[in-house]
N, C-alpha and C. Protein backbone atom coordinates (compact mmCIF):
# COMPACT_ATOMS: atom_id res chain seq x y z
N MET A 1 5.91 -19.49 -15.11
CA MET A 1 5.73 -18.26 -14.69
C MET A 1 4.35 -18.28 -14.55
N THR A 2 4.55 -17.35 -13.69
CA THR A 2 2.62 -17.54 -12.36
C THR A 2 2.31 -16.19 -12.98
N VAL A 3 0.85 -15.87 -12.94
CA VAL A 3 0.31 -15.01 -13.41
C VAL A 3 1.29 -13.60 -12.38
N GLN A 4 1.14 -14.25 -10.80
CA GLN A 4 1.70 -12.99 -10.74
C GLN A 4 3.16 -12.52 -10.83
N GLU A 5 3.97 -13.72 -11.61
CA GLU A 5 5.37 -13.50 -11.69
C GLU A 5 5.42 -12.28 -13.14
N ALA A 6 4.14 -12.65 -13.88
CA ALA A 6 4.03 -12.17 -15.17
C ALA A 6 3.51 -10.67 -15.13
N ILE A 7 2.30 -10.69 -13.84
CA ILE A 7 2.08 -9.11 -13.83
C ILE A 7 3.37 -8.15 -13.55
N GLY A 8 3.97 -9.11 -12.79
CA GLY A 8 5.34 -8.53 -11.45
C GLY A 8 6.27 -7.57 -12.73
N ALA A 9 6.74 -8.82 -13.75
CA ALA A 9 7.47 -8.48 -14.55
C ALA A 9 7.14 -7.10 -15.95
N LYS A 10 6.10 -7.18 -16.12
CA LYS A 10 4.88 -6.57 -17.10
C LYS A 10 5.13 -5.08 -16.20
N VAL A 11 4.62 -4.60 -15.41
CA VAL A 11 4.83 -3.89 -14.55
C VAL A 11 6.47 -2.88 -14.50
N ARG A 12 6.83 -3.96 -13.72
CA ARG A 12 8.26 -3.38 -13.88
C ARG A 12 9.34 -2.82 -15.29
N LYS A 13 8.45 -3.58 -16.46
CA LYS A 13 9.37 -3.16 -17.56
C LYS A 13 8.35 -2.01 -18.34
N MET A 14 6.80 -1.55 -17.88
CA MET A 14 6.77 -0.75 -18.71
C MET A 14 6.79 0.89 -17.89
N ARG A 15 7.28 0.55 -16.06
CA ARG A 15 7.50 1.50 -15.60
C ARG A 15 9.35 2.01 -16.20
N LYS A 16 9.86 0.86 -16.13
CA LYS A 16 11.15 1.37 -16.79
C LYS A 16 11.15 2.20 -18.20
N GLU A 17 10.17 1.29 -19.27
CA GLU A 17 10.28 2.18 -20.56
C GLU A 17 9.53 3.43 -20.48
N ARG A 18 9.57 3.72 -18.80
CA ARG A 18 8.27 5.16 -19.22
C ARG A 18 9.96 6.06 -18.28
N GLY A 19 10.98 5.76 -18.37
CA GLY A 19 11.85 6.02 -16.92
C GLY A 19 11.71 6.76 -15.76
N LEU A 20 10.98 5.89 -15.05
CA LEU A 20 10.65 5.96 -13.69
C LEU A 20 11.45 5.33 -12.85
N SER A 21 11.98 5.53 -11.36
CA SER A 21 12.10 5.41 -10.60
C SER A 21 10.97 4.51 -10.01
N GLN A 22 10.93 3.34 -9.85
CA GLN A 22 9.85 2.84 -8.24
C GLN A 22 8.97 3.53 -7.33
N GLU A 23 9.86 4.34 -6.55
CA GLU A 23 9.49 5.58 -5.66
C GLU A 23 8.78 6.48 -6.18
N ALA A 24 8.80 6.92 -7.86
CA ALA A 24 8.23 7.88 -8.32
C ALA A 24 7.06 6.84 -9.41
N PHE A 25 7.16 6.34 -9.08
CA PHE A 25 5.95 5.54 -10.13
C PHE A 25 4.85 4.99 -9.06
N ALA A 26 5.10 4.44 -7.49
CA ALA A 26 4.69 4.74 -6.51
C ALA A 26 3.75 5.78 -6.25
N ASP A 27 4.66 6.84 -6.44
CA ASP A 27 3.71 8.24 -5.89
C ASP A 27 2.67 8.33 -6.83
N ARG A 28 2.76 8.31 -7.78
CA ARG A 28 2.14 8.46 -9.16
C ARG A 28 0.51 7.96 -9.40
N CYS A 29 1.10 6.46 -8.79
CA CYS A 29 0.07 5.44 -8.64
C CYS A 29 -0.76 5.42 -6.96
N GLY A 30 -0.06 6.56 -6.33
CA GLY A 30 -1.02 6.64 -4.76
C GLY A 30 -0.85 5.01 -4.21
N ILE A 31 0.79 4.34 -4.03
CA ILE A 31 0.66 3.16 -3.66
C ILE A 31 2.02 3.39 -3.06
N ASN A 32 1.68 2.94 -1.51
CA ASN A 32 3.56 2.84 -1.05
C ASN A 32 4.28 2.48 -2.02
N ARG A 33 5.48 2.62 -1.70
CA ARG A 33 6.91 1.64 -2.74
C ARG A 33 7.32 0.88 -1.62
N GLY A 34 7.10 0.47 -0.83
CA GLY A 34 7.18 -1.19 -0.40
C GLY A 34 6.47 -1.90 -1.05
N HIS A 35 5.26 -1.32 -0.94
CA HIS A 35 4.05 -2.47 -1.75
C HIS A 35 4.24 -2.65 -2.91
N MET A 36 4.94 -1.07 -4.09
CA MET A 36 5.01 -1.76 -5.18
C MET A 36 6.13 -2.68 -5.36
N GLY A 37 7.08 -2.47 -5.03
CA GLY A 37 8.42 -3.48 -5.10
C GLY A 37 7.50 -4.76 -4.78
N GLN A 38 6.51 -5.43 -3.45
CA GLN A 38 6.55 -6.46 -3.36
C GLN A 38 5.47 -6.72 -4.51
N VAL A 39 5.01 -5.70 -5.32
CA VAL A 39 4.27 -6.43 -6.42
C VAL A 39 4.99 -6.86 -7.96
N GLU A 40 5.69 -6.10 -7.79
CA GLU A 40 6.97 -6.48 -9.11
C GLU A 40 7.98 -7.42 -8.47
N ARG A 41 7.97 -7.85 -7.32
CA ARG A 41 8.80 -8.73 -6.99
C ARG A 41 7.87 -10.38 -7.17
N SER A 42 6.93 -10.16 -7.36
CA SER A 42 5.63 -11.16 -6.91
C SER A 42 5.71 -11.53 -6.08
N GLU A 43 5.77 -10.68 -4.95
CA GLU A 43 5.59 -11.24 -3.27
C GLU A 43 4.09 -11.19 -2.64
N LYS A 44 3.66 -10.24 -3.31
CA LYS A 44 2.10 -10.20 -2.96
C LYS A 44 0.72 -9.82 -4.24
N ASP A 45 0.11 -10.71 -3.95
CA ASP A 45 -0.86 -10.91 -4.83
C ASP A 45 -1.78 -9.44 -5.13
N VAL A 46 -2.38 -9.44 -6.04
CA VAL A 46 -2.60 -7.77 -6.83
C VAL A 46 -4.13 -7.68 -6.89
N THR A 47 -4.82 -6.73 -5.80
CA THR A 47 -5.64 -6.90 -6.27
C THR A 47 -6.16 -6.16 -7.22
N ILE A 48 -7.68 -5.45 -7.47
CA ILE A 48 -8.16 -5.34 -8.73
C ILE A 48 -7.68 -3.65 -8.20
N SER A 49 -8.40 -2.98 -7.26
CA SER A 49 -7.57 -1.73 -6.70
C SER A 49 -6.55 -1.56 -7.33
N THR A 50 -5.70 -2.94 -6.75
CA THR A 50 -4.22 -2.05 -6.83
C THR A 50 -4.28 -1.84 -8.94
N LEU A 51 -4.30 -3.10 -9.86
CA LEU A 51 -4.25 -3.09 -10.81
C LEU A 51 -4.39 -1.36 -11.39
N ARG A 52 -6.19 -1.32 -10.94
CA ARG A 52 -6.37 -0.21 -11.32
C ARG A 52 -5.45 1.16 -11.49
N LYS A 53 -4.66 1.41 -10.22
CA LYS A 53 -3.54 2.61 -9.82
C LYS A 53 -2.57 2.30 -10.46
N ILE A 54 -2.14 0.81 -10.62
CA ILE A 54 -1.03 0.92 -11.56
C ILE A 54 -1.24 1.23 -12.99
N SER A 55 -2.28 0.57 -13.68
CA SER A 55 -2.69 0.84 -14.93
C SER A 55 -2.98 2.79 -14.79
N ARG A 56 -3.82 3.33 -14.47
CA ARG A 56 -4.02 4.77 -14.55
C ARG A 56 -2.60 4.98 -14.24
N GLY A 57 -1.31 4.83 -13.87
CA GLY A 57 -0.18 5.42 -13.47
C GLY A 57 0.82 5.00 -14.62
N LEU A 58 0.43 3.79 -15.45
CA LEU A 58 0.95 3.97 -16.88
C LEU A 58 0.04 4.30 -18.33
N GLY A 59 -0.77 4.90 -18.10
CA GLY A 59 -1.67 5.52 -18.56
C GLY A 59 -2.33 4.81 -19.55
N MET A 60 -3.12 3.37 -18.88
CA MET A 60 -3.84 2.45 -20.02
C MET A 60 -4.90 1.91 -19.14
N THR A 61 -5.68 0.95 -19.71
CA THR A 61 -6.74 0.52 -18.75
C THR A 61 -6.24 -0.50 -18.05
N VAL A 62 -6.70 -1.27 -16.90
CA VAL A 62 -5.97 -2.30 -16.66
C VAL A 62 -6.81 -3.93 -17.72
N SER A 63 -7.17 -3.86 -18.50
CA SER A 63 -7.59 -4.72 -19.50
C SER A 63 -6.03 -5.07 -20.56
N GLN A 64 -5.15 -3.60 -20.86
CA GLN A 64 -4.14 -3.20 -21.42
C GLN A 64 -3.08 -3.71 -21.17
N LEU A 65 -3.19 -3.80 -19.56
CA LEU A 65 -1.83 -3.92 -18.39
C LEU A 65 -2.24 -5.50 -18.42
N LEU A 66 -3.07 -5.89 -18.82
CA LEU A 66 -3.64 -8.00 -18.60
C LEU A 66 -3.36 -8.43 -19.48
N ASP A 67 -3.22 -7.56 -20.77
CA ASP A 67 -3.14 -8.58 -22.04
C ASP A 67 -1.96 -9.07 -22.23
N GLY A 68 -1.62 -10.33 -22.63
CA GLY A 68 -0.49 -11.27 -22.75
C GLY A 68 -0.09 -11.99 -21.29
N VAL A 69 -0.67 -11.21 -20.49
CA VAL A 69 -0.57 -12.14 -18.66
C VAL A 69 -1.18 -13.21 -19.21
N THR A 70 -0.41 -14.91 -18.57
CA THR A 70 -1.16 -16.12 -18.83
C THR A 70 -0.36 -16.59 -17.71
């Protein structure tokens, strides 16, 4: 599994654990829903600024979000 795949899978898992649809989560993060889908499907490299938005949407830090991702 690539780093991008691991990040996408973790974001999807944590979003679902919080009971959020992809659209609602993208809105919460201030990210386009299509872009969020690409992140979760590992179709796009994730920038630091996008990771920051996603981690804030999940209520955690970027380092917490990336913990265990290799």
